[in-house]
């Protein structure tokens, strides 16, 4: 998907729900789920915090969906959400400005 002004994506902002720490397997399950979603549509994901010190307190995922209902299904399908480690806020994100792609390599 080429992102252009007027494109619509959805932003899932994740917040820790408590002090319980997810396991490496939980994180791998979530990553596998997101990689599967990314094979079908635009998706970019990242964490808030410092992975070097394992201080991670949230994440943001931008992804393509046809509408808010589909976006909620995608967000709810993530194992890290299903297992209760994080809750999220979901927003429709309307792209208003992009930078031009470079013509040279």
PDB file of N, CA and C in Angstrom:
ATOM      1  N   UNK A   1       0.846  -1.175   0.000  1.00  0.00           N
ATOM      2  CA  UNK A   1       0.000   0.000   0.000  1.00  0.00           C
ATOM      3  C   UNK A   1       0.890   1.236   0.000  1.00  0.00           C
ATOM      4  N   UNK A   2       0.641   2.118  -0.922  1.00  0.00           N
ATOM      5  CA  UNK A   2       1.346   3.394  -0.936  1.00  0.00           C
ATOM      6  C   UNK A   2       0.521   4.377  -0.113  1.00  0.00           C
ATOM      7  N   UNK A   3       1.143   4.943   0.896  1.00  0.00           N
ATOM      8  CA  UNK A   3       0.458   5.918   1.728  1.00  0.00           C
ATOM      9  C   UNK A   3       0.483   7.271   1.041  1.00  0.00           C
ATOM     10  N   UNK A   4      -0.669   7.903   0.978  1.00  0.00           N
ATOM     11  CA  UNK A   4      -0.785   9.212   0.364  1.00  0.00           C
ATOM     12  C   UNK A   4      -1.733  10.056   1.189  1.00  0.00           C
ATOM     13  N   UNK A   5      -1.667  11.341   0.978  1.00  0.00           N
ATOM     14  CA  UNK A   5      -2.614  12.218   1.653  1.00  0.00           C
ATOM     15  C   UNK A   5      -4.026  11.706   1.396  1.00  0.00           C
ATOM     16  N   UNK A   6      -4.822  11.640   2.450  1.00  0.00           N
ATOM     17  CA  UNK A   6      -6.186  11.130   2.348  1.00  0.00           C
ATOM     18  C   UNK A   6      -6.310   9.654   2.689  1.00  0.00           C
ATOM     19  N   UNK A   7      -5.190   8.938   2.828  1.00  0.00           N
ATOM     20  CA  UNK A   7      -5.251   7.533   3.240  1.00  0.00           C
ATOM     21  C   UNK A   7      -5.816   7.441   4.658  1.00  0.00           C
ATOM     22  N   UNK A   8      -6.487   6.340   4.929  1.00  0.00           N
ATOM     23  CA  UNK A   8      -7.046   6.108   6.264  1.00  0.00           C
ATOM     24  C   UNK A   8      -6.430   4.838   6.823  1.00  0.00           C
ATOM     25  N   UNK A   9      -5.837   4.959   7.997  1.00  0.00           N
ATOM     26  CA  UNK A   9      -5.311   3.825   8.734  1.00  0.00           C
ATOM     27  C   UNK A   9      -5.969   3.829  10.105  1.00  0.00           C
ATOM     28  N   UNK A  10      -5.671   2.822  10.896  1.00  0.00           N
ATOM     29  CA  UNK A  10      -6.155   2.765  12.262  1.00  0.00           C
ATOM     30  C   UNK A  10      -4.954   2.658  13.183  1.00  0.00           C
ATOM     31  N   UNK A  11      -5.009   3.387  14.279  1.00  0.00           N
ATOM     32  CA  UNK A  11      -3.922   3.404  15.255  1.00  0.00           C
ATOM     33  C   UNK A  11      -4.408   2.726  16.528  1.00  0.00           C
ATOM     34  N   UNK A  12      -3.732   1.650  16.910  1.00  0.00           N
ATOM     35  CA  UNK A  12      -4.008   0.969  18.178  1.00  0.00           C
ATOM     36  C   UNK A  12      -2.907   1.366  19.144  1.00  0.00           C
ATOM     37  N   UNK A  13      -3.282   2.059  20.206  1.00  0.00           N
ATOM     38  CA  UNK A  13      -2.341   2.480  21.238  1.00  0.00           C
ATOM     39  C   UNK A  13      -2.535   1.552  22.431  1.00  0.00           C
ATOM     40  N   UNK A  14      -1.500   0.797  22.786  1.00  0.00           N
ATOM     41  CA  UNK A  14      -1.568  -0.197  23.866  1.00  0.00           C
ATOM     42  C   UNK A  14      -1.029   0.371  25.167  1.00  0.00           C
ATOM     43  N   UNK A  15      -1.687  -0.002  26.262  1.00  0.00           N
ATOM     44  CA  UNK A  15      -1.289   0.400  27.610  1.00  0.00           C
ATOM     45  C   UNK A  15      -1.241  -0.837  28.497  1.00  0.00           C
ATOM     46  N   UNK A  16      -0.232  -0.919  29.357  1.00  0.00           N
ATOM     47  CA  UNK A  16      -0.153  -2.029  30.320  1.00  0.00           C
ATOM     48  C   UNK A  16      -1.388  -2.019  31.200  1.00  0.00           C
ATOM     49  N   UNK A  17      -1.894  -3.220  31.537  1.00  0.00           N
ATOM     50  CA  UNK A  17      -3.086  -3.306  32.382  1.00  0.00           C
ATOM     51  C   UNK A  17      -2.745  -3.549  33.840  1.00  0.00           C
ATOM     52  N   UNK A  18      -1.522  -3.895  34.134  1.00  0.00           N
ATOM     53  CA  UNK A  18      -1.135  -4.157  35.515  1.00  0.00           C
ATOM     54  C   UNK A  18       0.340  -4.470  35.592  1.00  0.00           C
ATOM     55  N   UNK A  19       0.727  -5.095  36.686  1.00  0.00           N
ATOM     56  CA  UNK A  19       2.142  -5.371  36.893  1.00  0.00           C
ATOM     57  C   UNK A  19       2.571  -6.729  36.337  1.00  0.00           C
ATOM     58  N   UNK A  20       1.605  -7.560  35.931  1.00  0.00           N
ATOM     59  CA  UNK A  20       1.961  -8.874  35.404  1.00  0.00           C
ATOM     60  C   UNK A  20       2.718  -8.713  34.090  1.00  0.00           C
ATOM     61  N   UNK A  21       3.873  -9.347  34.002  1.00  0.00           N
ATOM     62  CA  UNK A  21       4.726  -9.251  32.822  1.00  0.00           C
ATOM     63  C   UNK A  21       4.454 -10.423  31.888  1.00  0.00           C
ATOM     64  N   UNK A  22       4.287 -10.124  30.613  1.00  0.00           N
ATOM     65  CA  UNK A  22       4.101 -11.189  29.635  1.00  0.00           C
ATOM     66  C   UNK A  22       5.408 -11.963  29.470  1.00  0.00           C
ATOM     67  N   UNK A  23       5.283 -13.207  29.069  1.00  0.00           N
ATOM     68  CA  UNK A  23       6.455 -14.048  28.860  1.00  0.00           C
ATOM     69  C   UNK A  23       7.002 -13.832  27.451  1.00  0.00           C
ATOM     70  N   UNK A  24       8.171 -14.367  27.213  1.00  0.00           N
ATOM     71  CA  UNK A  24       8.738 -14.316  25.871  1.00  0.00           C
ATOM     72  C   UNK A  24       7.810 -15.006  24.879  1.00  0.00           C
ATOM     73  N   UNK A  25       7.169 -16.097  25.299  1.00  0.00           N
ATOM     74  CA  UNK A  25       6.237 -16.800  24.413  1.00  0.00           C
ATOM     75  C   UNK A  25       5.028 -15.926  24.078  1.00  0.00           C
ATOM     76  N   UNK A  26       4.514 -15.183  25.061  1.00  0.00           N
ATOM     77  CA  UNK A  26       3.401 -14.262  24.793  1.00  0.00           C
ATOM     78  C   UNK A  26       3.802 -13.239  23.732  1.00  0.00           C
ATOM     79  N   UNK A  27       5.005 -12.672  23.890  1.00  0.00           N
ATOM     80  CA  UNK A  27       5.496 -11.680  22.931  1.00  0.00           C
ATOM     81  C   UNK A  27       5.670 -12.295  21.548  1.00  0.00           C
ATOM     82  N   UNK A  28       6.186 -13.525  21.487  1.00  0.00           N
ATOM     83  CA  UNK A  28       6.359 -14.206  20.202  1.00  0.00           C
ATOM     84  C   UNK A  28       5.011 -14.511  19.556  1.00  0.00           C
ATOM     85  N   UNK A  29       4.026 -14.899  20.364  1.00  0.00           N
ATOM     86  CA  UNK A  29       2.688 -15.166  19.830  1.00  0.00           C
ATOM     87  C   UNK A  29       2.080 -13.898  19.240  1.00  0.00           C
ATOM     88  N   UNK A  30       2.262 -12.783  19.939  1.00  0.00           N
ATOM     89  CA  UNK A  30       1.763 -11.503  19.447  1.00  0.00           C
ATOM     90  C   UNK A  30       2.473 -11.120  18.145  1.00  0.00           C
ATOM     91  N   UNK A  31       3.800 -11.264  18.120  1.00  0.00           N
ATOM     92  CA  UNK A  31       4.564 -10.933  16.923  1.00  0.00           C
ATOM     93  C   UNK A  31       4.128 -11.793  15.742  1.00  0.00           C
ATOM     94  N   UNK A  32       3.906 -13.081  15.976  1.00  0.00           N
ATOM     95  CA  UNK A  32       3.435 -13.964  14.917  1.00  0.00           C
ATOM     96  C   UNK A  32       2.079 -13.536  14.381  1.00  0.00           C
ATOM     97  N   UNK A  33       1.190 -13.147  15.286  1.00  0.00           N
ATOM     98  CA  UNK A  33      -0.135 -12.675  14.877  1.00  0.00           C
ATOM     99  C   UNK A  33       0.002 -11.419  14.017  1.00  0.00           C
ATOM    100  N   UNK A  34       0.797 -10.458  14.477  1.00  0.00           N
ATOM    101  CA  UNK A  34       0.957  -9.205  13.739  1.00  0.00           C
ATOM    102  C   UNK A  34       1.631  -9.428  12.390  1.00  0.00           C
ATOM    103  N   UNK A  35       2.581 -10.343  12.322  1.00  0.00           N
ATOM    104  CA  UNK A  35       3.217 -10.656  11.041  1.00  0.00           C
ATOM    105  C   UNK A  35       2.198 -11.243  10.065  1.00  0.00           C
ATOM    106  N   UNK A  36       1.274 -12.060  10.577  1.00  0.00           N
ATOM    107  CA  UNK A  36       0.212 -12.608   9.734  1.00  0.00           C
ATOM    108  C   UNK A  36      -0.696 -11.513   9.200  1.00  0.00           C
ATOM    109  N   UNK A  37      -1.051 -10.572  10.049  1.00  0.00           N
ATOM    110  CA  UNK A  37      -1.874  -9.437   9.620  1.00  0.00           C
ATOM    111  C   UNK A  37      -1.118  -8.623   8.567  1.00  0.00           C
ATOM    112  N   UNK A  38       0.179  -8.411   8.791  1.00  0.00           N
ATOM    113  CA  UNK A  38       0.990  -7.603   7.876  1.00  0.00           C
ATOM    114  C   UNK A  38       1.138  -8.244   6.498  1.00  0.00           C
ATOM    115  N   UNK A  39       0.989  -9.542   6.396  1.00  0.00           N
ATOM    116  CA  UNK A  39       1.049 -10.193   5.086  1.00  0.00           C
ATOM    117  C   UNK A  39      -0.171  -9.846   4.238  1.00  0.00           C
ATOM    118  N   UNK A  40      -1.251  -9.411   4.889  1.00  0.00           N
ATOM    119  CA  UNK A  40      -2.503  -9.138   4.181  1.00  0.00           C
ATOM    120  C   UNK A  40      -2.771  -7.653   3.966  1.00  0.00           C
ATOM    121  N   UNK A  41      -2.073  -6.778   4.691  1.00  0.00           N
ATOM    122  CA  UNK A  41      -2.383  -5.343   4.648  1.00  0.00           C
ATOM    123  C   UNK A  41      -1.216  -4.550   5.207  1.00  0.00           C
ATOM    124  N   UNK A  42      -1.268  -3.235   5.034  1.00  0.00           N
ATOM    125  CA  UNK A  42      -0.242  -2.377   5.604  1.00  0.00           C
ATOM    126  C   UNK A  42      -0.290  -2.471   7.131  1.00  0.00           C
ATOM    127  N   UNK A  43       0.873  -2.578   7.765  1.00  0.00           N
ATOM    128  CA  UNK A  43       0.965  -2.604   9.219  1.00  0.00           C
ATOM    129  C   UNK A  43       2.362  -2.148   9.621  1.00  0.00           C
ATOM    130  N   UNK A  44       2.427  -1.283  10.618  1.00  0.00           N
ATOM    131  CA  UNK A  44       3.687  -0.873  11.229  1.00  0.00           C
ATOM    132  C   UNK A  44       3.480  -0.925  12.736  1.00  0.00           C
ATOM    133  N   UNK A  45       4.447  -1.471  13.463  1.00  0.00           N
ATOM    134  CA  UNK A  45       4.295  -1.628  14.913  1.00  0.00           C
ATOM    135  C   UNK A  45       5.588  -1.260  15.611  1.00  0.00           C
ATOM    136  N   UNK A  46       5.448  -0.719  16.822  1.00  0.00           N
ATOM    137  CA  UNK A  46       6.612  -0.393  17.632  1.00  0.00           C
ATOM    138  C   UNK A  46       6.219  -0.277  19.093  1.00  0.00           C
ATOM    139  N   UNK A  47       7.226  -0.257  19.946  1.00  0.00           N
ATOM    140  CA  UNK A  47       6.976  -0.219  21.391  1.00  0.00           C
ATOM    141  C   UNK A  47       7.334   1.145  21.965  1.00  0.00           C
ATOM    142  N   UNK A  48       6.746   1.454  23.119  1.00  0.00           N
ATOM    143  CA  UNK A  48       7.120   2.618  23.910  1.00  0.00           C
ATOM    144  C   UNK A  48       7.999   2.114  25.039  1.00  0.00           C
ATOM    145  N   UNK A  49       9.136   2.711  25.209  1.00  0.00           N
ATOM    146  CA  UNK A  49      10.030   2.298  26.282  1.00  0.00           C
ATOM    147  C   UNK A  49      11.413   2.000  25.758  1.00  0.00           C
ATOM    148  N   UNK A  50      12.185   1.307  26.578  1.00  0.00           N
ATOM    149  CA  UNK A  50      13.581   1.009  26.270  1.00  0.00           C
ATOM    150  C   UNK A  50      13.791  -0.505  26.293  1.00  0.00           C
ATOM    151  N   UNK A  51      13.874  -1.137  25.126  1.00  0.00           N
ATOM    152  CA  UNK A  51      14.060  -2.595  25.115  1.00  0.00           C
ATOM    153  C   UNK A  51      15.379  -3.032  25.743  1.00  0.00           C
ATOM    154  N   UNK A  52      16.392  -2.169  25.750  1.00  0.00           N
ATOM    155  CA  UNK A  52      17.683  -2.529  26.336  1.00  0.00           C
ATOM    156  C   UNK A  52      17.552  -2.789  27.834  1.00  0.00           C
ATOM    157  N   UNK A  53      16.681  -2.045  28.487  1.00  0.00           N
ATOM    158  CA  UNK A  53      16.470  -2.226  29.927  1.00  0.00           C
ATOM    159  C   UNK A  53      15.183  -3.001  30.218  1.00  0.00           C
ATOM    160  N   UNK A  54      14.533  -3.460  29.151  1.00  0.00           N
ATOM    161  CA  UNK A  54      13.257  -4.181  29.245  1.00  0.00           C
ATOM    162  C   UNK A  54      12.191  -3.346  29.950  1.00  0.00           C
ATOM    163  N   UNK A  55      12.271  -2.031  29.785  1.00  0.00           N
ATOM    164  CA  UNK A  55      11.270  -1.120  30.304  1.00  0.00           C
ATOM    165  C   UNK A  55      10.327  -0.776  29.159  1.00  0.00           C
ATOM    166  N   UNK A  56       9.289  -1.563  29.042  1.00  0.00           N
ATOM    167  CA  UNK A  56       8.322  -1.392  27.956  1.00  0.00           C
ATOM    168  C   UNK A  56       6.960  -1.180  28.600  1.00  0.00           C
ATOM    169  N   UNK A  57       6.342  -0.043  28.275  1.00  0.00           N
ATOM    170  CA  UNK A  57       5.064   0.242  28.912  1.00  0.00           C
ATOM    171  C   UNK A  57       3.920   0.443  27.927  1.00  0.00           C
ATOM    172  N   UNK A  58       4.143   0.093  26.686  1.00  0.00           N
ATOM    173  CA  UNK A  58       3.065   0.201  25.717  1.00  0.00           C
ATOM    174  C   UNK A  58       3.574   0.010  24.308  1.00  0.00           C
ATOM    175  N   UNK A  59       2.670   0.196  23.362  1.00  0.00           N
ATOM    176  CA  UNK A  59       3.009   0.011  21.957  1.00  0.00           C
ATOM    177  C   UNK A  59       2.029   0.797  21.100  1.00  0.00           C
ATOM    178  N   UNK A  60       2.394   0.967  19.840  1.00  0.00           N
ATOM    179  CA  UNK A  60       1.479   1.544  18.865  1.00  0.00           C
ATOM    180  C   UNK A  60       1.559   0.733  17.589  1.00  0.00           C
ATOM    181  N   UNK A  61       0.408   0.461  17.036  1.00  0.00           N
ATOM    182  CA  UNK A  61       0.324  -0.287  15.788  1.00  0.00           C
ATOM    183  C   UNK A  61      -0.543   0.521  14.837  1.00  0.00           C
ATOM    184  N   UNK A  62      -0.020   0.828  13.671  1.00  0.00           N
ATOM    185  CA  UNK A  62      -0.776   1.467  12.601  1.00  0.00           C
ATOM    186  C   UNK A  62      -1.085   0.399  11.576  1.00  0.00           C
ATOM    187  N   UNK A  63      -2.347   0.300  11.178  1.00  0.00           N
ATOM    188  CA  UNK A  63      -2.690  -0.733  10.210  1.00  0.00           C
ATOM    189  C   UNK A  63      -3.887  -0.336   9.375  1.00  0.00           C
ATOM    190  N   UNK A  64      -3.988  -0.996   8.250  1.00  0.00           N
ATOM    191  CA  UNK A  64      -5.068  -0.779   7.304  1.00  0.00           C
ATOM    192  C   UNK A  64      -6.248  -1.679   7.669  1.00  0.00           C
ATOM    193  N   UNK A  65      -7.449  -1.127   7.590  1.00  0.00           N
ATOM    194  CA  UNK A  65      -8.679  -1.896   7.763  1.00  0.00           C
ATOM    195  C   UNK A  65      -9.776  -1.179   6.978  1.00  0.00           C
ATOM    196  N   UNK A  66     -10.813  -1.910   6.586  1.00  0.00           N
ATOM    197  CA  UNK A  66     -11.853  -1.266   5.769  1.00  0.00           C
ATOM    198  C   UNK A  66     -12.739  -0.338   6.577  1.00  0.00           C
ATOM    199  N   UNK A  67     -12.876  -0.621   7.890  1.00  0.00           N
ATOM    200  CA  UNK A  67     -13.696   0.235   8.750  1.00  0.00           C
ATOM    201  C   UNK A  67     -13.358  -0.063  10.210  1.00  0.00           C
ATOM    202  N   UNK A  68     -13.988   0.669  11.137  1.00  0.00           N
ATOM    203  CA  UNK A  68     -13.698   0.523  12.559  1.00  0.00           C
ATOM    204  C   UNK A  68     -14.041  -0.882  13.062  1.00  0.00           C
ATOM    205  N   UNK A  69     -15.090  -1.475  12.533  1.00  0.00           N
ATOM    206  CA  UNK A  69     -15.476  -2.828  12.967  1.00  0.00           C
ATOM    207  C   UNK A  69     -14.371  -3.838  12.647  1.00  0.00           C
ATOM    208  N   UNK A  70     -13.861  -3.788  11.430  1.00  0.00           N
ATOM    209  CA  UNK A  70     -12.769  -4.696  11.066  1.00  0.00           C
ATOM    210  C   UNK A  70     -11.520  -4.382  11.890  1.00  0.00           C
ATOM    211  N   UNK A  71     -11.258  -3.102  12.121  1.00  0.00           N
ATOM    212  CA  UNK A  71     -10.092  -2.712  12.915  1.00  0.00           C
ATOM    213  C   UNK A  71     -10.184  -3.282  14.330  1.00  0.00           C
ATOM    214  N   UNK A  72     -11.366  -3.253  14.924  1.00  0.00           N
ATOM    215  CA  UNK A  72     -11.544  -3.830  16.275  1.00  0.00           C
ATOM    216  C   UNK A  72     -11.312  -5.340  16.271  1.00  0.00           C
ATOM    217  N   UNK A  73     -11.794  -6.021  15.245  1.00  0.00           N
ATOM    218  CA  UNK A  73     -11.564  -7.473  15.159  1.00  0.00           C
ATOM    219  C   UNK A  73     -10.072  -7.787  15.073  1.00  0.00           C
ATOM    220  N   UNK A  74      -9.360  -7.012  14.273  1.00  0.00           N
ATOM    221  CA  UNK A  74      -7.913  -7.212  14.137  1.00  0.00           C
ATOM    222  C   UNK A  74      -7.230  -6.947  15.478  1.00  0.00           C
ATOM    223  N   UNK A  75      -7.567  -5.839  16.115  1.00  0.00           N
ATOM    224  CA  UNK A  75      -6.953  -5.491  17.404  1.00  0.00           C
ATOM    225  C   UNK A  75      -7.263  -6.544  18.460  1.00  0.00           C
ATOM    226  N   UNK A  76      -8.509  -6.981  18.523  1.00  0.00           N
ATOM    227  CA  UNK A  76      -8.922  -7.958  19.538  1.00  0.00           C
ATOM    228  C   UNK A  76      -8.314  -9.339  19.322  1.00  0.00           C
ATOM    229  N   UNK A  77      -7.876  -9.640  18.103  1.00  0.00           N
ATOM    230  CA  UNK A  77      -7.314 -10.955  17.805  1.00  0.00           C
ATOM    231  C   UNK A  77      -5.890 -11.152  18.290  1.00  0.00           C
ATOM    232  N   UNK A  78      -5.233 -10.094  18.703  1.00  0.00           N
ATOM    233  CA  UNK A  78      -3.833 -10.167  19.138  1.00  0.00           C
ATOM    234  C   UNK A  78      -3.746 -10.893  20.483  1.00  0.00           C
ATOM    235  N   UNK A  79      -2.946 -11.946  20.579  1.00  0.00           N
ATOM    236  CA  UNK A  79      -2.832 -12.700  21.838  1.00  0.00           C
ATOM    237  C   UNK A  79      -2.457 -11.838  23.047  1.00  0.00           C
ATOM    238  N   UNK A  80      -1.656 -10.807  22.858  1.00  0.00           N
ATOM    239  CA  UNK A  80      -1.237  -9.970  23.979  1.00  0.00           C
ATOM    240  C   UNK A  80      -2.439  -9.200  24.550  1.00  0.00           C
ATOM    241  N   UNK A  81      -3.426  -8.923  23.715  1.00  0.00           N
ATOM    242  CA  UNK A  81      -4.670  -8.281  24.153  1.00  0.00           C
ATOM    243  C   UNK A  81      -5.587  -9.328  24.764  1.00  0.00           C
ATOM    244  N   UNK A  82      -5.740 -10.448  24.075  1.00  0.00           N
ATOM    245  CA  UNK A  82      -6.622 -11.516  24.565  1.00  0.00           C
ATOM    246  C   UNK A  82      -6.209 -12.019  25.943  1.00  0.00           C
ATOM    247  N   UNK A  83      -4.928 -12.044  26.209  1.00  0.00           N
ATOM    248  CA  UNK A  83      -4.420 -12.563  27.489  1.00  0.00           C
ATOM    249  C   UNK A  83      -4.406 -11.512  28.597  1.00  0.00           C
ATOM    250  N   UNK A  84      -4.835 -10.303  28.284  1.00  0.00           N
ATOM    251  CA  UNK A  84      -5.020  -9.278  29.299  1.00  0.00           C
ATOM    252  C   UNK A  84      -3.791  -8.522  29.746  1.00  0.00           C
ATOM    253  N   UNK A  85      -2.688  -8.632  29.015  1.00  0.00           N
ATOM    254  CA  UNK A  85      -1.484  -7.891  29.404  1.00  0.00           C
ATOM    255  C   UNK A  85      -1.600  -6.408  29.059  1.00  0.00           C
ATOM    256  N   UNK A  86      -2.333  -6.109  28.004  1.00  0.00           N
ATOM    257  CA  UNK A  86      -2.519  -4.743  27.555  1.00  0.00           C
ATOM    258  C   UNK A  86      -3.983  -4.497  27.235  1.00  0.00           C
ATOM    259  N   UNK A  87      -4.387  -3.242  27.395  1.00  0.00           N
ATOM    260  CA  UNK A  87      -5.649  -2.775  26.852  1.00  0.00           C
ATOM    261  C   UNK A  87      -5.281  -1.758  25.777  1.00  0.00           C
ATOM    262  N   UNK A  88      -6.223  -1.350  24.985  1.00  0.00           N
ATOM    263  CA  UNK A  88      -5.874  -0.423  23.906  1.00  0.00           C
ATOM    264  C   UNK A  88      -6.960   0.612  23.680  1.00  0.00           C
ATOM    265  N   UNK A  89      -6.544   1.688  23.046  1.00  0.00           N
ATOM    266  CA  UNK A  89      -7.451   2.674  22.477  1.00  0.00           C
ATOM    267  C   UNK A  89      -7.256   2.584  20.972  1.00  0.00           C
ATOM    268  N   UNK A  90      -8.352   2.616  20.248  1.00  0.00           N
ATOM    269  CA  UNK A  90      -8.302   2.493  18.794  1.00  0.00           C
ATOM    270  C   UNK A  90      -8.815   3.785  18.172  1.00  0.00           C
ATOM    271  N   UNK A  91      -8.049   4.309  17.220  1.00  0.00           N
ATOM    272  CA  UNK A  91      -8.399   5.571  16.573  1.00  0.00           C
ATOM    273  C   UNK A  91      -8.320   5.417  15.063  1.00  0.00           C
ATOM    274  N   UNK A  92      -9.259   6.030  14.371  1.00  0.00           N
ATOM    275  CA  UNK A  92      -9.119   6.178  12.927  1.00  0.00           C
ATOM    276  C   UNK A  92      -8.110   7.290  12.706  1.00  0.00           C
ATOM    277  N   UNK A  93      -7.149   7.057  11.813  1.00  0.00           N
ATOM    278  CA  UNK A  93      -6.070   8.008  11.589  1.00  0.00           C
ATOM    279  C   UNK A  93      -6.091   8.413  10.120  1.00  0.00           C
ATOM    280  N   UNK A  94      -6.345   9.668   9.865  1.00  0.00           N
ATOM    281  CA  UNK A  94      -6.455  10.207   8.513  1.00  0.00           C
ATOM    282  C   UNK A  94      -5.160  10.920   8.160  1.00  0.00           C
ATOM    283  N   UNK A  95      -4.459  10.396   7.193  1.00  0.00           N
ATOM    284  CA  UNK A  95      -3.157  10.931   6.800  1.00  0.00           C
ATOM    285  C   UNK A  95      -3.349  12.261   6.080  1.00  0.00           C
ATOM    286  N   UNK A  96      -2.714  13.302   6.612  1.00  0.00           N
ATOM    287  CA  UNK A  96      -2.892  14.647   6.068  1.00  0.00           C
ATOM    288  C   UNK A  96      -1.653  15.153   5.341  1.00  0.00           C
ATOM    289  N   UNK A  97      -0.490  14.574   5.640  1.00  0.00           N
ATOM    290  CA  UNK A  97       0.747  15.063   5.049  1.00  0.00           C
ATOM    291  C   UNK A  97       1.717  13.904   4.906  1.00  0.00           C
ATOM    292  N   UNK A  98       2.362  13.822   3.770  1.00  0.00           N
ATOM    293  CA  UNK A  98       3.412  12.831   3.548  1.00  0.00           C
ATOM    294  C   UNK A  98       4.620  13.546   2.963  1.00  0.00           C
ATOM    295  N   UNK A  99       5.767  12.902   3.063  1.00  0.00           N
ATOM    296  CA  UNK A  99       6.963  13.449   2.432  1.00  0.00           C
ATOM    297  C   UNK A  99       7.124  12.755   1.087  1.00  0.00           C
ATOM    298  N   UNK A 100       7.592  13.462   0.086  1.00  0.00           N
ATOM    299  CA  UNK A 100       7.769  12.845  -1.232  1.00  0.00           C
ATOM    300  C   UNK A 100       8.875  11.791  -1.184  1.00  0.00           C
ATOM    301  N   UNK A 101       8.683  10.763  -1.961  1.00  0.00           N
ATOM    302  CA  UNK A 101       9.710   9.714  -2.055  1.00  0.00           C
ATOM    303  C   UNK A 101      10.903  10.251  -2.854  1.00  0.00           C
ATOM    304  N   UNK A 102      12.082   9.850  -2.443  1.00  0.00           N
ATOM    305  CA  UNK A 102      13.292  10.281  -3.149  1.00  0.00           C
ATOM    306  C   UNK A 102      13.357   9.618  -4.519  1.00  0.00           C
ATOM    307  N   UNK A 103      13.755  10.375  -5.508  1.00  0.00           N
ATOM    308  CA  UNK A 103      13.876   9.842  -6.861  1.00  0.00           C
ATOM    309  C   UNK A 103      15.183   9.096  -7.095  1.00  0.00           C
ATOM    310  N   UNK A 104      16.119   9.208  -6.175  1.00  0.00           N
ATOM    311  CA  UNK A 104      17.422   8.563  -6.345  1.00  0.00           C
ATOM    312  C   UNK A 104      17.646   7.561  -5.204  1.00  0.00           C
ATOM    313  N   UNK A 105      18.593   6.695  -5.440  1.00  0.00           N
ATOM    314  CA  UNK A 105      18.914   5.680  -4.427  1.00  0.00           C
ATOM    315  C   UNK A 105      20.318   5.862  -3.934  1.00  0.00           C
TER     316      UNK A 105
END
